[in-house]
Amino acid sequence: MYKLNATAASLLGFLHEGPMSGWDLVTKAQTVIGDFWSLTPSQIYRELSSLATAGLVQAGEREQRDRRPFSITAEGRAAFAAWIIQEPSEETIRFPLLLSVSFGKYLPKEKLISFVRSQRSGHQQRLDGYRQQHSKLIAQHPTDPYALAILDFGLRYEEAVLSWIDSLTESFSTAEIRAAENEP
């Protein structure tokens, strides 16, 4: 049996909703899971090719703009069902700002503070976006506990990151004040 990775399994999960082209799957992945699972268009097309070779999806006839819809097969449904009941692996944190902060002593303080402010702005924008999505979801599909759970995670994550960034900014300022006080 074909061993699914999380990316391939995600595509099979989306195809449960009906046939989609590679482009449709790129758009769907970016919209639904793009905030917590990175998928590039090249990964999606590569996985679709592998899934088709394994018989887990079937390619349809080419349509407008040379798009070809893919459908999940019975084998694909069985592979997805076997994958989804497995315990998820542990997450790995890949947070570029943490990397910059860990080597912060090699950066000019103004540059590091600039990075932190820029990241704060991006996280605030994502939080605002999650709040808008949450309001829309509550209005349109108030009983979808899965979508609500994902949005709740996004909201809490962004709030936690913003809180950490704010405390980081405060600790940088405090460190700078202490350093200035200790200068001769």
N, C-alpha and C. Protein backbone atom coordinates (compact mmCIF):
# COMPACT_ATOMS: atom_id res chain seq x y z
N MET A 1 0.84 -1.18 0.00
CA MET A 1 0.00 0.00 0.00
C MET A 1 0.89 1.24 0.00
N TYR A 2 0.46 2.28 -0.68
CA TYR A 2 1.17 3.55 -0.79
C TYR A 2 1.21 4.25 0.56
N LYS A 3 2.41 4.67 1.02
CA LYS A 3 2.54 5.36 2.30
C LYS A 3 2.31 6.85 2.08
N LEU A 4 1.24 7.36 2.64
CA LEU A 4 0.89 8.78 2.49
C LEU A 4 1.72 9.65 3.41
N ASN A 5 2.16 10.77 2.88
CA ASN A 5 2.71 11.81 3.74
C ASN A 5 1.57 12.80 4.00
N ALA A 6 1.78 13.72 4.90
CA ALA A 6 0.71 14.65 5.29
C ALA A 6 0.25 15.52 4.13
N THR A 7 1.17 15.90 3.26
CA THR A 7 0.80 16.73 2.12
C THR A 7 -0.13 15.97 1.18
N ALA A 8 0.26 14.76 0.82
CA ALA A 8 -0.58 13.94 -0.07
C ALA A 8 -1.93 13.65 0.58
N ALA A 9 -1.91 13.35 1.87
CA ALA A 9 -3.16 13.07 2.58
C ALA A 9 -4.07 14.29 2.58
N SER A 10 -3.50 15.47 2.73
CA SER A 10 -4.30 16.70 2.69
C SER A 10 -5.02 16.83 1.35
N LEU A 11 -4.31 16.53 0.28
CA LEU A 11 -4.93 16.62 -1.05
C LEU A 11 -6.08 15.63 -1.18
N LEU A 12 -5.87 14.42 -0.68
CA LEU A 12 -6.96 13.43 -0.71
C LEU A 12 -8.14 13.91 0.14
N GLY A 13 -7.84 14.53 1.27
CA GLY A 13 -8.91 15.07 2.12
C GLY A 13 -9.73 16.11 1.38
N PHE A 14 -9.05 17.01 0.65
CA PHE A 14 -9.77 18.02 -0.13
C PHE A 14 -10.59 17.39 -1.25
N LEU A 15 -10.06 16.34 -1.86
CA LEU A 15 -10.75 15.71 -2.99
C LEU A 15 -12.00 14.95 -2.55
N HIS A 16 -12.18 14.73 -1.25
CA HIS A 16 -13.43 14.15 -0.76
C HIS A 16 -14.62 15.06 -1.11
N GLU A 17 -14.35 16.36 -1.27
CA GLU A 17 -15.41 17.33 -1.58
C GLU A 17 -15.82 17.30 -3.05
N GLY A 18 -15.02 16.65 -3.89
CA GLY A 18 -15.32 16.58 -5.31
C GLY A 18 -14.07 16.83 -6.14
N PRO A 19 -14.16 16.61 -7.47
CA PRO A 19 -13.00 16.78 -8.34
C PRO A 19 -12.46 18.21 -8.30
N MET A 20 -11.12 18.31 -8.34
CA MET A 20 -10.46 19.62 -8.35
C MET A 20 -9.20 19.52 -9.20
N SER A 21 -8.90 20.63 -9.85
CA SER A 21 -7.65 20.70 -10.61
C SER A 21 -6.51 20.99 -9.63
N GLY A 22 -5.29 20.87 -10.13
CA GLY A 22 -4.14 21.22 -9.31
C GLY A 22 -4.24 22.65 -8.81
N TRP A 23 -4.66 23.55 -9.71
CA TRP A 23 -4.81 24.95 -9.33
C TRP A 23 -5.87 25.12 -8.24
N ASP A 24 -6.98 24.40 -8.38
CA ASP A 24 -8.03 24.46 -7.36
C ASP A 24 -7.49 23.98 -6.01
N LEU A 25 -6.67 22.93 -6.05
CA LEU A 25 -6.10 22.39 -4.81
C LEU A 25 -5.10 23.36 -4.19
N VAL A 26 -4.32 24.05 -5.02
CA VAL A 26 -3.39 25.06 -4.51
C VAL A 26 -4.19 26.13 -3.76
N THR A 27 -5.25 26.63 -4.41
CA THR A 27 -6.08 27.67 -3.80
C THR A 27 -6.74 27.18 -2.52
N LYS A 28 -7.29 25.98 -2.56
CA LYS A 28 -7.95 25.40 -1.39
C LYS A 28 -6.97 25.23 -0.23
N ALA A 29 -5.78 24.70 -0.53
CA ALA A 29 -4.78 24.48 0.52
C ALA A 29 -4.34 25.80 1.13
N GLN A 30 -4.11 26.81 0.30
CA GLN A 30 -3.70 28.11 0.83
C GLN A 30 -4.79 28.71 1.72
N THR A 31 -6.03 28.54 1.32
CA THR A 31 -7.15 29.12 2.07
C THR A 31 -7.43 28.36 3.36
N VAL A 32 -7.46 27.04 3.28
CA VAL A 32 -7.91 26.23 4.42
C VAL A 32 -6.79 25.91 5.41
N ILE A 33 -5.63 25.51 4.90
CA ILE A 33 -4.56 25.08 5.81
C ILE A 33 -3.27 25.89 5.68
N GLY A 34 -3.28 26.87 4.80
CA GLY A 34 -2.07 27.63 4.52
C GLY A 34 -1.47 28.37 5.70
N ASP A 35 -2.27 28.68 6.70
CA ASP A 35 -1.74 29.41 7.85
C ASP A 35 -0.98 28.50 8.82
N PHE A 36 -1.15 27.18 8.68
CA PHE A 36 -0.44 26.30 9.61
C PHE A 36 0.24 25.12 8.93
N TRP A 37 0.08 24.99 7.63
CA TRP A 37 0.74 23.91 6.91
C TRP A 37 1.18 24.45 5.55
N SER A 38 2.47 24.51 5.33
CA SER A 38 2.95 25.12 4.09
C SER A 38 2.98 24.09 2.96
N LEU A 39 2.36 24.48 1.87
CA LEU A 39 2.34 23.69 0.66
C LEU A 39 2.65 24.61 -0.51
N THR A 40 3.62 24.25 -1.32
CA THR A 40 3.90 25.05 -2.50
C THR A 40 3.17 24.45 -3.69
N PRO A 41 2.89 25.25 -4.71
CA PRO A 41 2.26 24.69 -5.91
C PRO A 41 3.06 23.51 -6.48
N SER A 42 4.39 23.61 -6.49
CA SER A 42 5.18 22.51 -7.05
C SER A 42 5.00 21.23 -6.24
N GLN A 43 4.89 21.34 -4.90
CA GLN A 43 4.64 20.16 -4.07
C GLN A 43 3.30 19.52 -4.43
N ILE A 44 2.30 20.37 -4.59
CA ILE A 44 0.96 19.87 -4.87
C ILE A 44 0.93 19.12 -6.20
N TYR A 45 1.52 19.70 -7.24
CA TYR A 45 1.53 19.03 -8.54
C TYR A 45 2.37 17.75 -8.50
N ARG A 46 3.47 17.77 -7.77
CA ARG A 46 4.31 16.57 -7.63
C ARG A 46 3.53 15.46 -6.91
N GLU A 47 2.84 15.83 -5.82
CA GLU A 47 2.06 14.84 -5.08
C GLU A 47 0.90 14.30 -5.92
N LEU A 48 0.26 15.18 -6.67
CA LEU A 48 -0.84 14.71 -7.53
C LEU A 48 -0.34 13.66 -8.52
N SER A 49 0.82 13.90 -9.09
CA SER A 49 1.41 12.94 -10.03
C SER A 49 1.67 11.61 -9.34
N SER A 50 2.24 11.67 -8.13
CA SER A 50 2.52 10.43 -7.38
C SER A 50 1.23 9.72 -6.99
N LEU A 51 0.23 10.49 -6.57
CA LEU A 51 -1.05 9.89 -6.20
C LEU A 51 -1.72 9.23 -7.40
N ALA A 52 -1.61 9.86 -8.56
CA ALA A 52 -2.19 9.28 -9.78
C ALA A 52 -1.47 7.99 -10.15
N THR A 53 -0.14 8.01 -10.07
CA THR A 53 0.64 6.81 -10.37
C THR A 53 0.28 5.66 -9.43
N ALA A 54 0.02 6.00 -8.17
CA ALA A 54 -0.34 4.99 -7.16
C ALA A 54 -1.80 4.56 -7.26
N GLY A 55 -2.59 5.22 -8.14
CA GLY A 55 -4.00 4.86 -8.30
C GLY A 55 -4.92 5.43 -7.24
N LEU A 56 -4.44 6.43 -6.50
CA LEU A 56 -5.25 7.01 -5.42
C LEU A 56 -6.11 8.16 -5.91
N VAL A 57 -5.72 8.74 -7.04
CA VAL A 57 -6.54 9.76 -7.71
C VAL A 57 -6.56 9.42 -9.19
N GLN A 58 -7.57 9.94 -9.84
CA GLN A 58 -7.70 9.72 -11.28
C GLN A 58 -7.82 11.09 -11.94
N ALA A 59 -7.02 11.28 -12.99
CA ALA A 59 -7.05 12.54 -13.72
C ALA A 59 -8.17 12.51 -14.75
N GLY A 60 -8.92 13.60 -14.82
CA GLY A 60 -9.98 13.72 -15.81
C GLY A 60 -9.45 14.36 -17.09
N GLU A 61 -10.37 14.67 -17.98
CA GLU A 61 -10.01 15.32 -19.24
C GLU A 61 -9.63 16.77 -18.99
N ARG A 62 -8.70 17.27 -19.78
CA ARG A 62 -8.29 18.67 -19.65
C ARG A 62 -9.46 19.58 -19.98
N GLU A 63 -9.54 20.67 -19.19
CA GLU A 63 -10.63 21.64 -19.36
C GLU A 63 -10.05 22.99 -19.76
N GLN A 64 -10.79 24.05 -19.50
CA GLN A 64 -10.31 25.40 -19.78
C GLN A 64 -8.96 25.64 -19.15
N ARG A 65 -8.16 26.47 -19.83
CA ARG A 65 -6.83 26.85 -19.35
C ARG A 65 -5.96 25.64 -19.08
N ASP A 66 -6.22 24.56 -19.78
CA ASP A 66 -5.44 23.33 -19.68
C ASP A 66 -5.49 22.71 -18.28
N ARG A 67 -6.55 23.01 -17.53
CA ARG A 67 -6.69 22.45 -16.19
C ARG A 67 -7.30 21.06 -16.28
N ARG A 68 -6.77 20.18 -15.47
CA ARG A 68 -7.24 18.80 -15.44
C ARG A 68 -7.76 18.49 -14.05
N PRO A 69 -9.05 18.14 -13.94
CA PRO A 69 -9.59 17.81 -12.62
C PRO A 69 -9.13 16.42 -12.17
N PHE A 70 -8.88 16.30 -10.89
CA PHE A 70 -8.52 15.02 -10.29
C PHE A 70 -9.64 14.60 -9.36
N SER A 71 -9.92 13.30 -9.35
CA SER A 71 -10.94 12.72 -8.47
C SER A 71 -10.27 11.67 -7.59
N ILE A 72 -10.76 11.55 -6.38
CA ILE A 72 -10.24 10.53 -5.48
C ILE A 72 -10.85 9.18 -5.87
N THR A 73 -10.04 8.15 -5.86
CA THR A 73 -10.53 6.80 -6.18
C THR A 73 -10.91 6.08 -4.89
N ALA A 74 -11.49 4.90 -5.03
CA ALA A 74 -11.82 4.08 -3.85
C ALA A 74 -10.53 3.76 -3.08
N GLU A 75 -9.44 3.47 -3.82
CA GLU A 75 -8.15 3.21 -3.16
C GLU A 75 -7.66 4.44 -2.42
N GLY A 76 -7.90 5.61 -3.01
CA GLY A 76 -7.51 6.87 -2.36
C GLY A 76 -8.29 7.10 -1.08
N ARG A 77 -9.59 6.79 -1.12
CA ARG A 77 -10.41 6.93 0.09
C ARG A 77 -9.93 5.99 1.19
N ALA A 78 -9.57 4.77 0.80
CA ALA A 78 -9.07 3.79 1.78
C ALA A 78 -7.72 4.24 2.36
N ALA A 79 -6.84 4.76 1.51
CA ALA A 79 -5.53 5.23 1.98
C ALA A 79 -5.71 6.41 2.92
N PHE A 80 -6.62 7.33 2.57
CA PHE A 80 -6.88 8.48 3.44
C PHE A 80 -7.46 8.01 4.77
N ALA A 81 -8.39 7.08 4.73
CA ALA A 81 -9.01 6.57 5.96
C ALA A 81 -7.96 5.93 6.86
N ALA A 82 -7.00 5.22 6.27
CA ALA A 82 -5.93 4.60 7.06
C ALA A 82 -4.99 5.67 7.63
N TRP A 83 -4.74 6.72 6.86
CA TRP A 83 -3.84 7.79 7.32
C TRP A 83 -4.48 8.62 8.44
N ILE A 84 -5.72 9.00 8.28
CA ILE A 84 -6.36 9.95 9.20
C ILE A 84 -6.53 9.37 10.60
N ILE A 85 -6.58 8.05 10.75
CA ILE A 85 -6.75 7.46 12.08
C ILE A 85 -5.42 7.28 12.82
N GLN A 86 -4.31 7.62 12.16
CA GLN A 86 -3.00 7.53 12.81
C GLN A 86 -2.77 8.75 13.70
N GLU A 87 -2.06 8.51 14.78
CA GLU A 87 -1.67 9.61 15.67
C GLU A 87 -0.80 10.60 14.89
N PRO A 88 -1.12 11.90 14.94
CA PRO A 88 -0.27 12.88 14.25
C PRO A 88 1.12 12.93 14.87
N SER A 89 2.12 13.21 14.05
CA SER A 89 3.47 13.36 14.57
C SER A 89 3.56 14.67 15.36
N GLU A 90 4.61 14.79 16.15
CA GLU A 90 4.79 16.02 16.93
C GLU A 90 5.17 17.15 16.00
N GLU A 91 4.73 18.35 16.35
CA GLU A 91 5.04 19.50 15.52
C GLU A 91 6.48 19.95 15.73
N THR A 92 6.99 20.62 14.72
CA THR A 92 8.31 21.22 14.78
C THR A 92 8.12 22.72 14.63
N ILE A 93 8.70 23.47 15.52
CA ILE A 93 8.57 24.92 15.44
C ILE A 93 9.61 25.45 14.46
N ARG A 94 9.13 26.12 13.44
CA ARG A 94 10.00 26.83 12.51
C ARG A 94 9.52 28.28 12.52
N PHE A 95 10.18 29.06 13.33
CA PHE A 95 9.77 30.43 13.56
C PHE A 95 11.00 31.31 13.30
N PRO A 96 11.10 31.86 12.10
CA PRO A 96 12.31 32.59 11.72
C PRO A 96 12.72 33.70 12.69
N LEU A 97 11.76 34.38 13.31
CA LEU A 97 12.12 35.42 14.27
C LEU A 97 12.88 34.84 15.46
N LEU A 98 12.52 33.64 15.90
CA LEU A 98 13.24 33.00 16.99
C LEU A 98 14.71 32.79 16.62
N LEU A 99 14.95 32.43 15.37
CA LEU A 99 16.31 32.23 14.91
C LEU A 99 17.08 33.55 14.97
N SER A 100 16.46 34.63 14.50
CA SER A 100 17.11 35.95 14.56
C SER A 100 17.37 36.37 15.99
N VAL A 101 16.39 36.16 16.88
CA VAL A 101 16.55 36.55 18.28
C VAL A 101 17.65 35.71 18.93
N SER A 102 17.74 34.42 18.58
CA SER A 102 18.76 33.57 19.20
C SER A 102 20.17 34.04 18.86
N PHE A 103 20.34 34.70 17.72
CA PHE A 103 21.63 35.25 17.35
C PHE A 103 21.62 36.78 17.42
N GLY A 104 20.72 37.30 18.23
CA GLY A 104 20.53 38.75 18.35
C GLY A 104 21.77 39.52 18.77
N LYS A 105 22.66 38.89 19.51
CA LYS A 105 23.85 39.61 19.96
C LYS A 105 24.77 39.99 18.79
N TYR A 106 24.54 39.38 17.63
CA TYR A 106 25.35 39.69 16.46
C TYR A 106 24.69 40.74 15.55
N LEU A 107 23.50 41.16 15.93
CA LEU A 107 22.76 42.16 15.15
C LEU A 107 22.82 43.51 15.85
N PRO A 108 22.85 44.58 15.07
CA PRO A 108 22.66 45.89 15.71
C PRO A 108 21.27 45.91 16.36
N LYS A 109 21.17 46.46 17.56
CA LYS A 109 19.90 46.45 18.30
C LYS A 109 18.78 47.07 17.49
N GLU A 110 19.09 48.16 16.75
CA GLU A 110 18.03 48.81 15.95
C GLU A 110 17.48 47.86 14.90
N LYS A 111 18.37 47.05 14.31
CA LYS A 111 17.94 46.10 13.28
C LYS A 111 17.05 45.03 13.89
N LEU A 112 17.45 44.49 15.03
CA LEU A 112 16.65 43.46 15.69
C LEU A 112 15.29 44.03 16.09
N ILE A 113 15.28 45.22 16.65
CA ILE A 113 14.01 45.84 17.03
C ILE A 113 13.15 46.09 15.80
N SER A 114 13.77 46.45 14.68
CA SER A 114 13.03 46.63 13.43
C SER A 114 12.39 45.31 12.99
N PHE A 115 13.14 44.21 13.10
CA PHE A 115 12.59 42.90 12.76
C PHE A 115 11.39 42.58 13.65
N VAL A 116 11.55 42.82 14.94
CA VAL A 116 10.49 42.51 15.90
C VAL A 116 9.23 43.33 15.59
N ARG A 117 9.40 44.60 15.31
CA ARG A 117 8.24 45.45 14.99
C ARG A 117 7.56 44.99 13.71
N SER A 118 8.35 44.64 12.72
CA SER A 118 7.79 44.16 11.45
C SER A 118 7.00 42.87 11.66
N GLN A 119 7.57 41.94 12.44
CA GLN A 119 6.89 40.68 12.73
C GLN A 119 5.61 40.93 13.53
N ARG A 120 5.66 41.88 14.45
CA ARG A 120 4.48 42.19 15.24
C ARG A 120 3.35 42.66 14.34
N SER A 121 3.69 43.49 13.38
CA SER A 121 2.69 43.99 12.45
C SER A 121 2.04 42.85 11.66
N GLY A 122 2.85 41.93 11.18
CA GLY A 122 2.32 40.77 10.44
C GLY A 122 1.42 39.90 11.29
N HIS A 123 1.83 39.66 12.53
CA HIS A 123 1.01 38.84 13.43
C HIS A 123 -0.29 39.55 13.80
N GLN A 124 -0.23 40.87 13.95
CA GLN A 124 -1.45 41.62 14.24
C GLN A 124 -2.42 41.54 13.06
N GLN A 125 -1.89 41.62 11.84
CA GLN A 125 -2.74 41.50 10.65
C GLN A 125 -3.39 40.13 10.57
N ARG A 126 -2.60 39.08 10.87
CA ARG A 126 -3.18 37.73 10.86
C ARG A 126 -4.25 37.58 11.93
N LEU A 127 -4.00 38.13 13.11
CA LEU A 127 -5.00 38.07 14.18
C LEU A 127 -6.28 38.77 13.74
N ASP A 128 -6.15 39.94 13.15
CA ASP A 128 -7.32 40.66 12.66
C ASP A 128 -8.06 39.84 11.60
N GLY A 129 -7.30 39.19 10.72
CA GLY A 129 -7.92 38.34 9.69
C GLY A 129 -8.65 37.15 10.30
N TYR A 130 -8.05 36.51 11.30
CA TYR A 130 -8.71 35.39 11.98
C TYR A 130 -9.99 35.86 12.66
N ARG A 131 -9.96 37.04 13.24
CA ARG A 131 -11.17 37.55 13.89
C ARG A 131 -12.28 37.76 12.87
N GLN A 132 -11.93 38.28 11.69
CA GLN A 132 -12.93 38.45 10.63
C GLN A 132 -13.46 37.10 10.16
N GLN A 133 -12.55 36.15 9.95
CA GLN A 133 -12.98 34.81 9.53
C GLN A 133 -13.89 34.18 10.57
N HIS A 134 -13.55 34.36 11.83
CA HIS A 134 -14.35 33.79 12.92
C HIS A 134 -15.76 34.36 12.89
N SER A 135 -15.88 35.67 12.71
CA SER A 135 -17.20 36.30 12.65
C SER A 135 -18.01 35.75 11.48
N LYS A 136 -17.37 35.62 10.32
CA LYS A 136 -18.06 35.08 9.13
C LYS A 136 -18.49 33.64 9.36
N LEU A 137 -17.60 32.84 9.94
CA LEU A 137 -17.91 31.43 10.16
C LEU A 137 -19.08 31.29 11.14
N ILE A 138 -19.06 32.07 12.21
CA ILE A 138 -20.15 32.01 13.18
C ILE A 138 -21.47 32.37 12.51
N ALA A 139 -21.44 33.36 11.61
CA ALA A 139 -22.67 33.80 10.93
C ALA A 139 -23.13 32.76 9.91
N GLN A 140 -22.19 32.12 9.20
CA GLN A 140 -22.56 31.23 8.10
C GLN A 140 -22.66 29.76 8.50
N HIS A 141 -21.74 29.29 9.33
CA HIS A 141 -21.70 27.87 9.71
C HIS A 141 -21.43 27.72 11.20
N PRO A 142 -22.32 28.17 12.04
CA PRO A 142 -22.04 28.18 13.48
C PRO A 142 -21.86 26.80 14.10
N THR A 143 -22.20 25.74 13.37
CA THR A 143 -22.11 24.41 13.96
C THR A 143 -20.97 23.58 13.39
N ASP A 144 -19.98 24.24 12.74
CA ASP A 144 -18.83 23.51 12.20
C ASP A 144 -17.72 23.52 13.25
N PRO A 145 -17.70 22.52 14.14
CA PRO A 145 -16.73 22.54 15.24
C PRO A 145 -15.28 22.42 14.77
N TYR A 146 -15.06 21.81 13.60
CA TYR A 146 -13.69 21.61 13.12
C TYR A 146 -13.09 22.93 12.64
N ALA A 147 -13.83 23.65 11.84
CA ALA A 147 -13.36 24.96 11.37
C ALA A 147 -13.22 25.92 12.53
N LEU A 148 -14.16 25.87 13.47
CA LEU A 148 -14.07 26.74 14.65
C LEU A 148 -12.84 26.39 15.50
N ALA A 149 -12.51 25.12 15.61
CA ALA A 149 -11.33 24.72 16.39
C ALA A 149 -10.05 25.24 15.75
N ILE A 150 -9.96 25.18 14.43
CA ILE A 150 -8.78 25.67 13.72
C ILE A 150 -8.67 27.18 13.90
N LEU A 151 -9.76 27.88 13.74
CA LEU A 151 -9.73 29.33 13.92
C LEU A 151 -9.39 29.70 15.37
N ASP A 152 -9.92 28.94 16.32
CA ASP A 152 -9.62 29.20 17.72
C ASP A 152 -8.12 29.06 17.97
N PHE A 153 -7.52 28.04 17.37
CA PHE A 153 -6.07 27.87 17.51
C PHE A 153 -5.34 29.08 16.92
N GLY A 154 -5.74 29.50 15.73
CA GLY A 154 -5.11 30.65 15.09
C GLY A 154 -5.22 31.90 15.94
N LEU A 155 -6.40 32.14 16.48
CA LEU A 155 -6.61 33.30 17.35
C LEU A 155 -5.69 33.24 18.57
N ARG A 156 -5.70 32.09 19.24
CA ARG A 156 -4.89 31.96 20.46
C ARG A 156 -3.39 32.03 20.15
N TYR A 157 -2.99 31.43 19.04
CA TYR A 157 -1.59 31.46 18.66
C TYR A 157 -1.12 32.89 18.42
N GLU A 158 -1.87 33.63 17.61
CA GLU A 158 -1.47 35.00 17.31
C GLU A 158 -1.49 35.87 18.55
N GLU A 159 -2.47 35.66 19.43
CA GLU A 159 -2.50 36.42 20.68
C GLU A 159 -1.27 36.10 21.53
N ALA A 160 -0.88 34.84 21.59
CA ALA A 160 0.30 34.43 22.37
C ALA A 160 1.58 35.02 21.77
N VAL A 161 1.71 34.96 20.45
CA VAL A 161 2.90 35.51 19.80
C VAL A 161 2.98 37.01 20.03
N LEU A 162 1.85 37.70 19.89
CA LEU A 162 1.85 39.15 20.13
C LEU A 162 2.23 39.47 21.57
N SER A 163 1.74 38.70 22.50
CA SER A 163 2.09 38.91 23.91
C SER A 163 3.59 38.70 24.10
N TRP A 164 4.14 37.65 23.49
CA TRP A 164 5.58 37.38 23.60
C TRP A 164 6.38 38.50 22.96
N ILE A 165 5.98 38.94 21.77
CA ILE A 165 6.69 40.02 21.09
C ILE A 165 6.67 41.29 21.94
N ASP A 166 5.52 41.60 22.54
CA ASP A 166 5.44 42.79 23.38
C ASP A 166 6.37 42.67 24.59
N SER A 167 6.45 41.49 25.19
CA SER A 167 7.35 41.32 26.34
C SER A 167 8.80 41.35 25.87
N LEU A 168 9.07 40.86 24.67
CA LEU A 168 10.41 40.89 24.11
C LEU A 168 10.86 42.33 23.90
N THR A 169 9.98 43.13 23.33
CA THR A 169 10.29 44.54 23.11
C THR A 169 10.59 45.22 24.45
N GLU A 170 9.80 44.91 25.46
CA GLU A 170 10.03 45.48 26.79
C GLU A 170 11.37 45.03 27.36
N SER A 171 11.72 43.75 27.19
CA SER A 171 12.98 43.26 27.74
C SER A 171 14.17 43.86 26.99
N PHE A 172 14.06 44.08 25.69
CA PHE A 172 15.13 44.75 24.94
C PHE A 172 15.32 46.16 25.47
N SER A 173 14.21 46.85 25.68
CA SER A 173 14.29 48.23 26.18
C SER A 173 14.92 48.26 27.56
N THR A 174 14.52 47.33 28.43
CA THR A 174 15.07 47.26 29.78
C THR A 174 16.57 46.95 29.72
N ALA A 175 16.96 46.03 28.85
CA ALA A 175 18.38 45.68 28.70
C ALA A 175 19.18 46.88 28.23
N GLU A 176 18.62 47.65 27.30
CA GLU A 176 19.31 48.83 26.79
C GLU A 176 19.46 49.88 27.89
N ILE A 177 18.43 50.05 28.71
CA ILE A 177 18.49 51.02 29.81
C ILE A 177 19.56 50.58 30.81
N ARG A 178 19.59 49.28 31.15
CA ARG A 178 20.59 48.77 32.10
C ARG A 178 22.01 48.93 31.55
N ALA A 179 22.17 48.64 30.24
CA ALA A 179 23.49 48.78 29.62
C ALA A 179 23.95 50.23 29.67
N ALA A 180 23.05 51.17 29.40
CA ALA A 180 23.38 52.59 29.42
C ALA A 180 23.73 53.03 30.84
N GLU A 181 23.05 52.49 31.84
CA GLU A 181 23.33 52.84 33.22
C GLU A 181 24.70 52.36 33.66
N ASN A 182 25.16 51.24 33.08
CA ASN A 182 26.45 50.65 33.47
C ASN A 182 27.63 51.20 32.68
N GLU A 183 27.36 52.03 31.68
CA GLU A 183 28.45 52.61 30.90
C GLU A 183 29.18 53.65 31.73
N PRO A 184 30.51 53.75 31.57
CA PRO A 184 31.29 54.73 32.35
C PRO A 184 30.99 56.16 31.94
